[in-house]
């Protein structure tokens, strides 16, 4: 599933929805990680998320500081595995997707606030800049992931091994 997420992330790199300092709207690249988290639990979901974060690091390296590296890659993508805490009942996985992406947003927001504040336009609050920048690609990602996960739930694909 990490490999599938990496391929979806890589293919999405050819789409025009990419931010200048990292981040992009993908073809549901986080869904395989949510799939692992919801079917196998948060421990495996977080592990898969961390591995996916390292794959993204190879595909889209934006590292300026060791702390920023931790926030933007292993912690942010590992947070996707928090969806594993929302396995049952049937529609809770959609809450898990929102929690996972929300936690990823928080990691990227802190990184943007601390390490990328200088990129904010003159007169703009760095917190507003960081929130806007990260929401620009994570809100569409949330919508895409929720739609794909809804289809997986309706088709009962997630219930195969629960």
Protein backbone atom coordinates (compact mmCIF):
# COMPACT_ATOMS: atom_id res chain seq x y z
CA UNK A 1 0.00 0.00 0.00
CA UNK A 2 2.91 2.36 0.64
CA UNK A 3 4.15 1.62 -2.87
CA UNK A 4 0.70 2.33 -4.31
CA UNK A 5 0.54 5.61 -2.37
CA UNK A 6 4.00 6.50 -3.69
CA UNK A 7 2.96 5.78 -7.28
CA UNK A 8 -0.19 7.89 -6.90
CA UNK A 9 1.93 10.69 -5.41
CA UNK A 10 4.48 10.41 -8.24
CA UNK A 11 1.84 10.44 -10.99
CA UNK A 12 0.25 13.46 -9.33
CA UNK A 13 3.55 15.28 -9.68
CA UNK A 14 2.73 15.74 -13.36
CA UNK A 15 -0.52 17.55 -12.57
CA UNK A 16 -0.59 21.35 -12.37
CA UNK A 17 -1.77 21.39 -8.71
CA UNK A 18 1.59 21.78 -7.00
CA UNK A 19 2.67 24.39 -4.48
CA UNK A 20 6.04 26.15 -4.85
CA UNK A 21 7.50 25.09 -1.48
CA UNK A 22 6.01 21.60 -1.45
CA UNK A 23 2.56 20.10 -1.22
CA UNK A 24 0.19 19.15 -3.99
CA UNK A 25 -3.26 17.85 -4.76
CA UNK A 26 -2.89 14.17 -5.63
CA UNK A 27 -4.91 11.36 -7.12
CA UNK A 28 -6.00 10.08 -3.68
CA UNK A 29 -2.43 9.20 -2.71
CA UNK A 30 -3.26 9.08 1.02
CA UNK A 31 -6.12 6.58 0.61
CA UNK A 32 -3.86 3.48 0.62
CA UNK A 33 -2.43 4.66 3.96
CA UNK A 34 -5.94 5.17 5.34
CA UNK A 35 -6.81 1.71 4.03
CA UNK A 36 -3.94 0.19 6.04
CA UNK A 37 -4.82 2.22 9.15
CA UNK A 38 -8.48 1.31 9.10
CA UNK A 39 -7.98 -2.35 8.29
CA UNK A 40 -4.96 -3.00 10.52
CA UNK A 41 -5.16 -0.33 13.21
CA UNK A 42 -3.27 2.81 14.16
CA UNK A 43 0.10 1.15 14.82
CA UNK A 44 0.39 -0.17 11.28
CA UNK A 45 -1.26 2.94 9.86
CA UNK A 46 1.28 5.24 11.51
CA UNK A 47 4.13 2.99 10.36
CA UNK A 48 2.78 3.01 6.78
CA UNK A 49 2.35 6.80 6.98
CA UNK A 50 5.94 7.31 8.12
CA UNK A 51 7.16 5.09 5.27
CA UNK A 52 5.00 7.03 2.83
CA UNK A 53 6.42 10.29 4.17
CA UNK A 54 9.91 9.06 3.37
CA UNK A 55 8.78 8.11 -0.14
CA UNK A 56 7.38 11.63 -0.58
CA UNK A 57 10.68 13.01 0.70
CA UNK A 58 12.48 11.22 -2.13
CA UNK A 59 9.93 12.41 -4.71
CA UNK A 60 9.55 15.99 -3.46
CA UNK A 61 12.47 16.96 -1.19
CA UNK A 62 12.03 20.32 0.56
CA UNK A 63 14.31 20.08 3.59
CA UNK A 64 15.76 23.19 5.17
CA UNK A 65 16.15 22.12 8.78
CA UNK A 66 16.18 18.80 10.71
CA UNK A 67 13.12 19.81 12.78
CA UNK A 68 11.28 20.91 9.64
CA UNK A 69 12.16 17.53 8.09
CA UNK A 70 10.58 15.72 11.05
CA UNK A 71 7.45 17.90 10.99
CA UNK A 72 6.89 17.76 7.23
CA UNK A 73 7.68 14.14 6.50
CA UNK A 74 7.62 11.38 9.16
CA UNK A 75 5.35 13.18 11.66
CA UNK A 76 2.92 14.71 9.16
CA UNK A 77 2.49 11.54 7.12
CA UNK A 78 2.62 9.29 10.18
CA UNK A 79 -0.34 11.28 11.52
CA UNK A 80 -2.43 9.83 8.71
CA UNK A 81 -2.33 6.55 10.62
CA UNK A 82 -4.47 8.11 13.35
CA UNK A 83 -7.38 7.10 11.14
CA UNK A 84 -6.87 3.61 12.54
CA UNK A 85 -8.50 4.70 15.79
CA UNK A 86 -11.78 5.17 13.86
CA UNK A 87 -12.41 1.69 12.50
CA UNK A 88 -15.99 0.98 13.59
CA UNK A 89 -18.91 1.51 13.19
CA UNK A 90 -19.25 1.70 9.42
CA UNK A 91 -18.96 5.46 8.80
CA UNK A 92 -16.34 6.23 11.46
CA UNK A 93 -13.51 5.72 8.95
CA UNK A 94 -14.58 8.98 7.31
CA UNK A 95 -14.05 10.70 10.65
CA UNK A 96 -10.64 9.00 10.77
CA UNK A 97 -9.74 10.41 7.37
CA UNK A 98 -10.61 13.91 8.58
CA UNK A 99 -8.62 13.41 11.80
CA UNK A 100 -5.59 12.07 9.89
CA UNK A 101 -5.57 14.91 7.39
CA UNK A 102 -6.27 17.41 10.17
CA UNK A 103 -3.26 16.14 12.13
CA UNK A 104 -1.14 16.31 8.97
CA UNK A 105 -2.33 19.90 8.50
CA UNK A 106 -1.25 20.79 12.04
CA UNK A 107 2.26 19.42 11.42
CA UNK A 108 2.61 21.33 8.16
CA UNK A 109 1.08 24.46 9.72
CA UNK A 110 3.65 24.47 12.55
CA UNK A 111 6.46 23.86 10.07
CA UNK A 112 5.21 26.70 7.88
CA UNK A 113 4.83 29.03 10.82
CA UNK A 114 8.31 28.35 12.18
CA UNK A 115 10.39 27.67 9.09
CA UNK A 116 8.59 29.28 6.14
CA UNK A 117 7.24 32.52 7.67
CA UNK A 118 9.68 34.52 5.55
CA UNK A 119 7.73 33.43 2.43
CA UNK A 120 4.60 35.26 3.63
CA UNK A 121 3.77 38.32 1.53
CA UNK A 122 4.60 41.66 3.11
CA UNK A 123 2.05 42.61 5.74
CA UNK A 124 0.50 39.14 5.95
CA UNK A 125 0.47 37.35 9.28
CA UNK A 126 2.71 34.23 9.00
CA UNK A 127 0.03 32.12 10.73
CA UNK A 128 -2.56 33.13 8.13
CA UNK A 129 -0.04 32.48 5.37
CA UNK A 130 0.84 29.02 6.70
CA UNK A 131 -2.82 28.07 7.22
CA UNK A 132 -3.82 29.31 3.77
CA UNK A 133 -0.86 27.71 2.03
CA UNK A 134 -1.44 24.30 3.57
CA UNK A 135 -5.23 24.42 3.28
CA UNK A 136 -4.90 25.14 -0.44
CA UNK A 137 -3.85 21.57 -1.13
CA UNK A 138 -5.02 19.66 1.97
CA UNK A 139 -8.70 20.67 1.75
CA UNK A 140 -8.99 19.25 -1.81
CA UNK A 141 -7.05 16.19 -0.59
CA UNK A 142 -9.59 15.77 2.22
CA UNK A 143 -12.49 15.94 -0.23
CA UNK A 144 -10.88 13.49 -2.66
CA UNK A 145 -9.95 11.07 0.13
CA UNK A 146 -13.44 11.22 1.68
CA UNK A 147 -15.08 10.48 -1.66
CA UNK A 148 -12.79 7.53 -2.42
CA UNK A 149 -13.13 6.16 1.11
CA UNK A 150 -16.93 6.48 0.86
CA UNK A 151 -16.85 4.31 -2.25
CA UNK A 152 -14.64 1.75 -0.49
CA UNK A 153 -17.06 1.68 2.46
CA UNK A 154 -20.15 1.39 0.27
CA UNK A 155 -18.57 -1.47 -1.66
CA UNK A 156 -17.62 -3.09 1.68
CA UNK A 157 -14.00 -3.33 0.57
CA UNK A 158 -12.73 -2.12 3.94
CA UNK A 159 -14.59 -4.91 5.75
CA UNK A 160 -12.73 -7.76 4.04
CA UNK A 161 -10.32 -8.39 6.89
CA UNK A 162 -11.63 -6.39 9.85
